[in-house]
Amino acid sequence: MKKVLFGLVIGSLSGYLIRKLQDDGQFDCIYDNANKFFRKSKKDLKNITDIVKNEAGYLKDRVEVKTEK
């Protein structure tokens, strides 16, 4: 029974502290950093796909030139 009460007290205390930090805006920087990271990742992924498409087109043209000779 002591373990259950101890768990309830610890859980309630940690929940209260997390809620208090959230109300104070302590987690806003985490959200901003995550948003910035995902935006950059999306941009990098788009750039990589564009590079791959351009490279594939270049190789296709090179193969056509070599086969015509």
PDB file of N, CA and C in Angstrom:
ATOM      1  N   MET A   1       0.817  -1.193   0.000  1.00  0.00           N
ATOM      2  CA  MET A   1       0.000   0.000   0.000  1.00  0.00           C
ATOM      3  C   MET A   1       0.865   1.262   0.000  1.00  0.00           C
ATOM      4  N   LYS A   2       2.013   1.174   0.683  1.00  0.00           N
ATOM      5  CA  LYS A   2       2.903   2.330   0.722  1.00  0.00           C
ATOM      6  C   LYS A   2       3.425   2.658  -0.679  1.00  0.00           C
ATOM      7  N   LYS A   3       3.718   1.612  -1.474  1.00  0.00           N
ATOM      8  CA  LYS A   3       4.248   1.835  -2.818  1.00  0.00           C
ATOM      9  C   LYS A   3       3.211   2.512  -3.712  1.00  0.00           C
ATOM     10  N   VAL A   4       1.950   2.135  -3.546  1.00  0.00           N
ATOM     11  CA  VAL A   4       0.887   2.737  -4.344  1.00  0.00           C
ATOM     12  C   VAL A   4       0.735   4.207  -3.985  1.00  0.00           C
ATOM     13  N   LEU A   5       0.702   4.509  -2.703  1.00  0.00           N
ATOM     14  CA  LEU A   5       0.590   5.906  -2.275  1.00  0.00           C
ATOM     15  C   LEU A   5       1.796   6.721  -2.718  1.00  0.00           C
ATOM     16  N   PHE A   6       2.977   6.118  -2.578  1.00  0.00           N
ATOM     17  CA  PHE A   6       4.203   6.797  -3.000  1.00  0.00           C
ATOM     18  C   PHE A   6       4.144   7.078  -4.507  1.00  0.00           C
ATOM     19  N   GLY A   7       3.694   6.117  -5.304  1.00  0.00           N
ATOM     20  CA  GLY A   7       3.567   6.300  -6.750  1.00  0.00           C
ATOM     21  C   GLY A   7       2.565   7.385  -7.097  1.00  0.00           C
ATOM     22  N   LEU A   8       1.446   7.425  -6.380  1.00  0.00           N
ATOM     23  CA  LEU A   8       0.445   8.467  -6.616  1.00  0.00           C
ATOM     24  C   LEU A   8       0.989   9.854  -6.294  1.00  0.00           C
ATOM     25  N   VAL A   9       1.725   9.962  -5.199  1.00  0.00           N
ATOM     26  CA  VAL A   9       2.301  11.252  -4.814  1.00  0.00           C
ATOM     27  C   VAL A   9       3.325  11.706  -5.844  1.00  0.00           C
ATOM     28  N   ILE A  10       4.215  10.811  -6.249  1.00  0.00           N
ATOM     29  CA  ILE A  10       5.251  11.165  -7.221  1.00  0.00           C
ATOM     30  C   ILE A  10       4.610  11.523  -8.568  1.00  0.00           C
ATOM     31  N   GLY A  11       3.622  10.737  -8.999  1.00  0.00           N
ATOM     32  CA  GLY A  11       2.943  11.018 -10.267  1.00  0.00           C
ATOM     33  C   GLY A  11       2.217  12.344 -10.243  1.00  0.00           C
ATOM     34  N   SER A  12       1.528  12.618  -9.150  1.00  0.00           N
ATOM     35  CA  SER A  12       0.807  13.883  -9.038  1.00  0.00           C
ATOM     36  C   SER A  12       1.771  15.066  -9.019  1.00  0.00           C
ATOM     37  N   LEU A  13       2.854  14.926  -8.287  1.00  0.00           N
ATOM     38  CA  LEU A  13       3.847  15.994  -8.196  1.00  0.00           C
ATOM     39  C   LEU A  13       4.493  16.260  -9.550  1.00  0.00           C
ATOM     40  N   SER A  14       4.872  15.193 -10.262  1.00  0.00           N
ATOM     41  CA  SER A  14       5.507  15.401 -11.569  1.00  0.00           C
ATOM     42  C   SER A  14       4.506  15.982 -12.563  1.00  0.00           C
ATOM     43  N   GLY A  15       3.249  15.548 -12.515  1.00  0.00           N
ATOM     44  CA  GLY A  15       2.223  16.116 -13.390  1.00  0.00           C
ATOM     45  C   GLY A  15       2.015  17.590 -13.119  1.00  0.00           C
ATOM     46  N   TYR A  16       1.992  17.963 -11.841  1.00  0.00           N
ATOM     47  CA  TYR A  16       1.832  19.370 -11.467  1.00  0.00           C
ATOM     48  C   TYR A  16       3.014  20.200 -11.969  1.00  0.00           C
ATOM     49  N   LEU A  17       4.228  19.686 -11.791  1.00  0.00           N
ATOM     50  CA  LEU A  17       5.414  20.430 -12.225  1.00  0.00           C
ATOM     51  C   LEU A  17       5.447  20.597 -13.742  1.00  0.00           C
ATOM     52  N   ILE A  18       5.090  19.551 -14.470  1.00  0.00           N
ATOM     53  CA  ILE A  18       5.072  19.643 -15.929  1.00  0.00           C
ATOM     54  C   ILE A  18       4.029  20.661 -16.385  1.00  0.00           C
ATOM     55  N   ARG A  19       2.868  20.630 -15.755  1.00  0.00           N
ATOM     56  CA  ARG A  19       1.807  21.584 -16.115  1.00  0.00           C
ATOM     57  C   ARG A  19       2.235  23.021 -15.798  1.00  0.00           C
ATOM     58  N   LYS A  20       2.911  23.202 -14.663  1.00  0.00           N
ATOM     59  CA  LYS A  20       3.388  24.527 -14.276  1.00  0.00           C
ATOM     60  C   LYS A  20       4.422  25.040 -15.276  1.00  0.00           C
ATOM     61  N   LEU A  21       5.348  24.180 -15.693  1.00  0.00           N
ATOM     62  CA  LEU A  21       6.346  24.573 -16.687  1.00  0.00           C
ATOM     63  C   LEU A  21       5.686  24.916 -18.017  1.00  0.00           C
ATOM     64  N   GLN A  22       4.663  24.151 -18.382  1.00  0.00           N
ATOM     65  CA  GLN A  22       3.951  24.424 -19.629  1.00  0.00           C
ATOM     66  C   GLN A  22       3.238  25.771 -19.573  1.00  0.00           C
ATOM     67  N   ASP A  23       2.610  26.071 -18.459  1.00  0.00           N
ATOM     68  CA  ASP A  23       1.927  27.358 -18.310  1.00  0.00           C
ATOM     69  C   ASP A  23       2.906  28.525 -18.337  1.00  0.00           C
ATOM     70  N   ASP A  24       4.114  28.310 -17.822  1.00  0.00           N
ATOM     71  CA  ASP A  24       5.128  29.366 -17.816  1.00  0.00           C
ATOM     72  C   ASP A  24       5.803  29.536 -19.171  1.00  0.00           C
ATOM     73  N   GLY A  25       5.529  28.624 -20.107  1.00  0.00           N
ATOM     74  CA  GLY A  25       6.106  28.739 -21.446  1.00  0.00           C
ATOM     75  C   GLY A  25       7.497  28.164 -21.563  1.00  0.00           C
ATOM     76  N   GLN A  26       7.864  27.255 -20.689  1.00  0.00           N
ATOM     77  CA  GLN A  26       9.202  26.676 -20.718  1.00  0.00           C
ATOM     78  C   GLN A  26       9.399  25.713 -21.885  1.00  0.00           C
ATOM     79  N   PHE A  27       8.315  25.184 -22.432  1.00  0.00           N
ATOM     80  CA  PHE A  27       8.429  24.218 -23.516  1.00  0.00           C
ATOM     81  C   PHE A  27       8.329  24.865 -24.889  1.00  0.00           C
ATOM     82  N   ASP A  28       8.124  26.177 -24.953  1.00  0.00           N
ATOM     83  CA  ASP A  28       7.998  26.862 -26.231  1.00  0.00           C
ATOM     84  C   ASP A  28       9.278  26.764 -27.049  1.00  0.00           C
ATOM     85  N   CYS A  29      10.423  26.849 -26.395  1.00  0.00           N
ATOM     86  CA  CYS A  29      11.690  26.780 -27.123  1.00  0.00           C
ATOM     87  C   CYS A  29      11.879  25.395 -27.731  1.00  0.00           C
ATOM     88  N   ILE A  30      11.395  24.360 -27.056  1.00  0.00           N
ATOM     89  CA  ILE A  30      11.498  23.004 -27.602  1.00  0.00           C
ATOM     90  C   ILE A  30      10.659  22.897 -28.870  1.00  0.00           C
ATOM     91  N   TYR A  31       9.456  23.457 -28.826  1.00  0.00           N
ATOM     92  CA  TYR A  31       8.583  23.445 -30.003  1.00  0.00           C
ATOM     93  C   TYR A  31       9.216  24.219 -31.152  1.00  0.00           C
ATOM     94  N   ASP A  32       9.763  25.382 -30.848  1.00  0.00           N
ATOM     95  CA  ASP A  32      10.382  26.202 -31.896  1.00  0.00           C
ATOM     96  C   ASP A  32      11.573  25.489 -32.529  1.00  0.00           C
ATOM     97  N   ASN A  33      12.409  24.866 -31.694  1.00  0.00           N
ATOM     98  CA  ASN A  33      13.572  24.150 -32.217  1.00  0.00           C
ATOM     99  C   ASN A  33      13.155  22.950 -33.062  1.00  0.00           C
ATOM    100  N   ALA A  34      12.147  22.215 -32.618  1.00  0.00           N
ATOM    101  CA  ALA A  34      11.672  21.062 -33.384  1.00  0.00           C
ATOM    102  C   ALA A  34      11.078  21.516 -34.710  1.00  0.00           C
ATOM    103  N   ASN A  35      10.313  22.596 -34.689  1.00  0.00           N
ATOM    104  CA  ASN A  35       9.712  23.115 -35.913  1.00  0.00           C
ATOM    105  C   ASN A  35      10.789  23.562 -36.899  1.00  0.00           C
ATOM    106  N   LYS A  36      11.808  24.232 -36.391  1.00  0.00           N
ATOM    107  CA  LYS A  36      12.917  24.685 -37.235  1.00  0.00           C
ATOM    108  C   LYS A  36      13.656  23.491 -37.839  1.00  0.00           C
ATOM    109  N   PHE A  37      13.886  22.461 -37.031  1.00  0.00           N
ATOM    110  CA  PHE A  37      14.575  21.262 -37.499  1.00  0.00           C
ATOM    111  C   PHE A  37      13.787  20.569 -38.605  1.00  0.00           C
ATOM    112  N   PHE A  38      12.460  20.410 -38.419  1.00  0.00           N
ATOM    113  CA  PHE A  38      11.654  19.716 -39.410  1.00  0.00           C
ATOM    114  C   PHE A  38      11.510  20.531 -40.698  1.00  0.00           C
ATOM    115  N   ARG A  39      11.454  21.854 -40.582  1.00  0.00           N
ATOM    116  CA  ARG A  39      11.428  22.691 -41.783  1.00  0.00           C
ATOM    117  C   ARG A  39      12.702  22.532 -42.592  1.00  0.00           C
ATOM    118  N   LYS A  40      13.840  22.536 -41.888  1.00  0.00           N
ATOM    119  CA  LYS A  40      15.130  22.385 -42.563  1.00  0.00           C
ATOM    120  C   LYS A  40      15.251  21.004 -43.184  1.00  0.00           C
ATOM    121  N   SER A  41      14.783  19.978 -42.478  1.00  0.00           N
ATOM    122  CA  SER A  41      14.838  18.618 -43.006  1.00  0.00           C
ATOM    123  C   SER A  41      13.983  18.481 -44.262  1.00  0.00           C
ATOM    124  N   LYS A  42      12.808  19.087 -44.245  1.00  0.00           N
ATOM    125  CA  LYS A  42      11.922  19.037 -45.405  1.00  0.00           C
ATOM    126  C   LYS A  42      12.573  19.732 -46.597  1.00  0.00           C
ATOM    127  N   LYS A  43      13.202  20.882 -46.345  1.00  0.00           N
ATOM    128  CA  LYS A  43      13.875  21.619 -47.410  1.00  0.00           C
ATOM    129  C   LYS A  43      15.052  20.808 -47.958  1.00  0.00           C
ATOM    130  N   ASP A  44      15.836  20.200 -47.070  1.00  0.00           N
ATOM    131  CA  ASP A  44      16.977  19.388 -47.506  1.00  0.00           C
ATOM    132  C   ASP A  44      16.519  18.183 -48.321  1.00  0.00           C
ATOM    133  N   LEU A  45      15.436  17.536 -47.908  1.00  0.00           N
ATOM    134  CA  LEU A  45      14.918  16.389 -48.643  1.00  0.00           C
ATOM    135  C   LEU A  45      14.459  16.802 -50.034  1.00  0.00           C
ATOM    136  N   LYS A  46      13.804  17.963 -50.127  1.00  0.00           N
ATOM    137  CA  LYS A  46      13.357  18.456 -51.426  1.00  0.00           C
ATOM    138  C   LYS A  46      14.563  18.753 -52.318  1.00  0.00           C
ATOM    139  N   ASN A  47      15.595  19.350 -51.748  1.00  0.00           N
ATOM    140  CA  ASN A  47      16.804  19.647 -52.520  1.00  0.00           C
ATOM    141  C   ASN A  47      17.464  18.367 -53.022  1.00  0.00           C
ATOM    142  N   ILE A  48      17.500  17.350 -52.178  1.00  0.00           N
ATOM    143  CA  ILE A  48      18.125  16.085 -52.572  1.00  0.00           C
ATOM    144  C   ILE A  48      17.348  15.448 -53.719  1.00  0.00           C
ATOM    145  N   THR A  49      16.011  15.460 -53.634  1.00  0.00           N
ATOM    146  CA  THR A  49      15.229  14.868 -54.726  1.00  0.00           C
ATOM    147  C   THR A  49      15.428  15.641 -56.022  1.00  0.00           C
ATOM    148  N   ASP A  50      15.535  16.956 -55.950  1.00  0.00           N
ATOM    149  CA  ASP A  50      15.786  17.757 -57.158  1.00  0.00           C
ATOM    150  C   ASP A  50      17.150  17.429 -57.751  1.00  0.00           C
ATOM    151  N   ILE A  51      18.145  17.272 -56.898  1.00  0.00           N
ATOM    152  CA  ILE A  51      19.493  16.936 -57.370  1.00  0.00           C
ATOM    153  C   ILE A  51      19.495  15.572 -58.043  1.00  0.00           C
ATOM    154  N   VAL A  52      18.812  14.613 -57.446  1.00  0.00           N
ATOM    155  CA  VAL A  52      18.760  13.265 -58.021  1.00  0.00           C
ATOM    156  C   VAL A  52      18.054  13.288 -59.373  1.00  0.00           C
ATOM    157  N   LYS A  53      16.951  14.028 -59.481  1.00  0.00           N
ATOM    158  CA  LYS A  53      16.240  14.119 -60.760  1.00  0.00           C
ATOM    159  C   LYS A  53      17.126  14.759 -61.828  1.00  0.00           C
ATOM    160  N   ASN A  54      17.815  15.826 -61.469  1.00  0.00           N
ATOM    161  CA  ASN A  54      18.698  16.492 -62.424  1.00  0.00           C
ATOM    162  C   ASN A  54      19.833  15.571 -62.859  1.00  0.00           C
ATOM    163  N   GLU A  55      20.390  14.842 -61.922  1.00  0.00           N
ATOM    164  CA  GLU A  55      21.496  13.924 -62.225  1.00  0.00           C
ATOM    165  C   GLU A  55      21.005  12.793 -63.128  1.00  0.00           C
ATOM    166  N   ALA A  56      19.792  12.293 -62.864  1.00  0.00           N
ATOM    167  CA  ALA A  56      19.232  11.225 -63.710  1.00  0.00           C
ATOM    168  C   ALA A  56      19.004  11.733 -65.131  1.00  0.00           C
ATOM    169  N   GLY A  57      18.502  12.944 -65.260  1.00  0.00           N
ATOM    170  CA  GLY A  57      18.312  13.529 -66.589  1.00  0.00           C
ATOM    171  C   GLY A  57      19.631  13.713 -67.312  1.00  0.00           C
ATOM    172  N   TYR A  58      20.650  14.153 -66.603  1.00  0.00           N
ATOM    173  CA  TYR A  58      21.977  14.334 -67.198  1.00  0.00           C
ATOM    174  C   TYR A  58      22.532  12.996 -67.679  1.00  0.00           C
ATOM    175  N   LEU A  59      22.411  11.960 -66.832  1.00  0.00           N
ATOM    176  CA  LEU A  59      22.922  10.649 -67.224  1.00  0.00           C
ATOM    177  C   LEU A  59      22.150  10.090 -68.426  1.00  0.00           C
ATOM    178  N   LYS A  60      20.859  10.340 -68.462  1.00  0.00           N
ATOM    179  CA  LYS A  60      20.049   9.893 -69.593  1.00  0.00           C
ATOM    180  C   LYS A  60      20.536  10.562 -70.877  1.00  0.00           C
ATOM    181  N   ASP A  61      20.789  11.860 -70.828  1.00  0.00           N
ATOM    182  CA  ASP A  61      21.298  12.582 -71.999  1.00  0.00           C
ATOM    183  C   ASP A  61      22.667  12.060 -72.414  1.00  0.00           C
ATOM    184  N   ARG A  62      23.522  11.787 -71.462  1.00  0.00           N
ATOM    185  CA  ARG A  62      24.865  11.269 -71.765  1.00  0.00           C
ATOM    186  C   ARG A  62      24.791   9.908 -72.444  1.00  0.00           C
ATOM    187  N   VAL A  63      23.873   9.057 -71.960  1.00  0.00           N
ATOM    188  CA  VAL A  63      23.720   7.734 -72.566  1.00  0.00           C
ATOM    189  C   VAL A  63      23.209   7.872 -73.990  1.00  0.00           C
ATOM    190  N   GLU A  64      22.263   8.774 -74.215  1.00  0.00           N
ATOM    191  CA  GLU A  64      21.746   8.995 -75.567  1.00  0.00           C
ATOM    192  C   GLU A  64      22.831   9.485 -76.510  1.00  0.00           C
ATOM    193  N   VAL A  65      23.688  10.380 -76.039  1.00  0.00           N
ATOM    194  CA  VAL A  65      24.776  10.903 -76.854  1.00  0.00           C
ATOM    195  C   VAL A  65      25.757   9.792 -77.195  1.00  0.00           C
ATOM    196  N   LYS A  66      26.078   8.953 -76.215  1.00  0.00           N
ATOM    197  CA  LYS A  66      27.044   7.856 -76.446  1.00  0.00           C
ATOM    198  C   LYS A  66      26.472   6.809 -77.381  1.00  0.00           C
ATOM    199  N   THR A  67      25.168   6.528 -77.280  1.00  0.00           N
ATOM    200  CA  THR A  67      24.573   5.513 -78.153  1.00  0.00           C
ATOM    201  C   THR A  67      24.412   6.013 -79.583  1.00  0.00           C
ATOM    202  N   GLU A  68      24.304   7.326 -79.769  1.00  0.00           N
ATOM    203  CA  GLU A  68      24.184   7.874 -81.125  1.00  0.00           C
ATOM    204  C   GLU A  68      25.506   7.793 -81.882  1.00  0.00           C
ATOM    205  N   LYS A  69      26.596   7.776 -81.174  1.00  0.00           N
ATOM    206  CA  LYS A  69      27.916   7.758 -81.839  1.00  0.00           C
ATOM    207  C   LYS A  69      28.230   6.426 -82.373  1.00  0.00           C
TER     208      LYS A  69
END
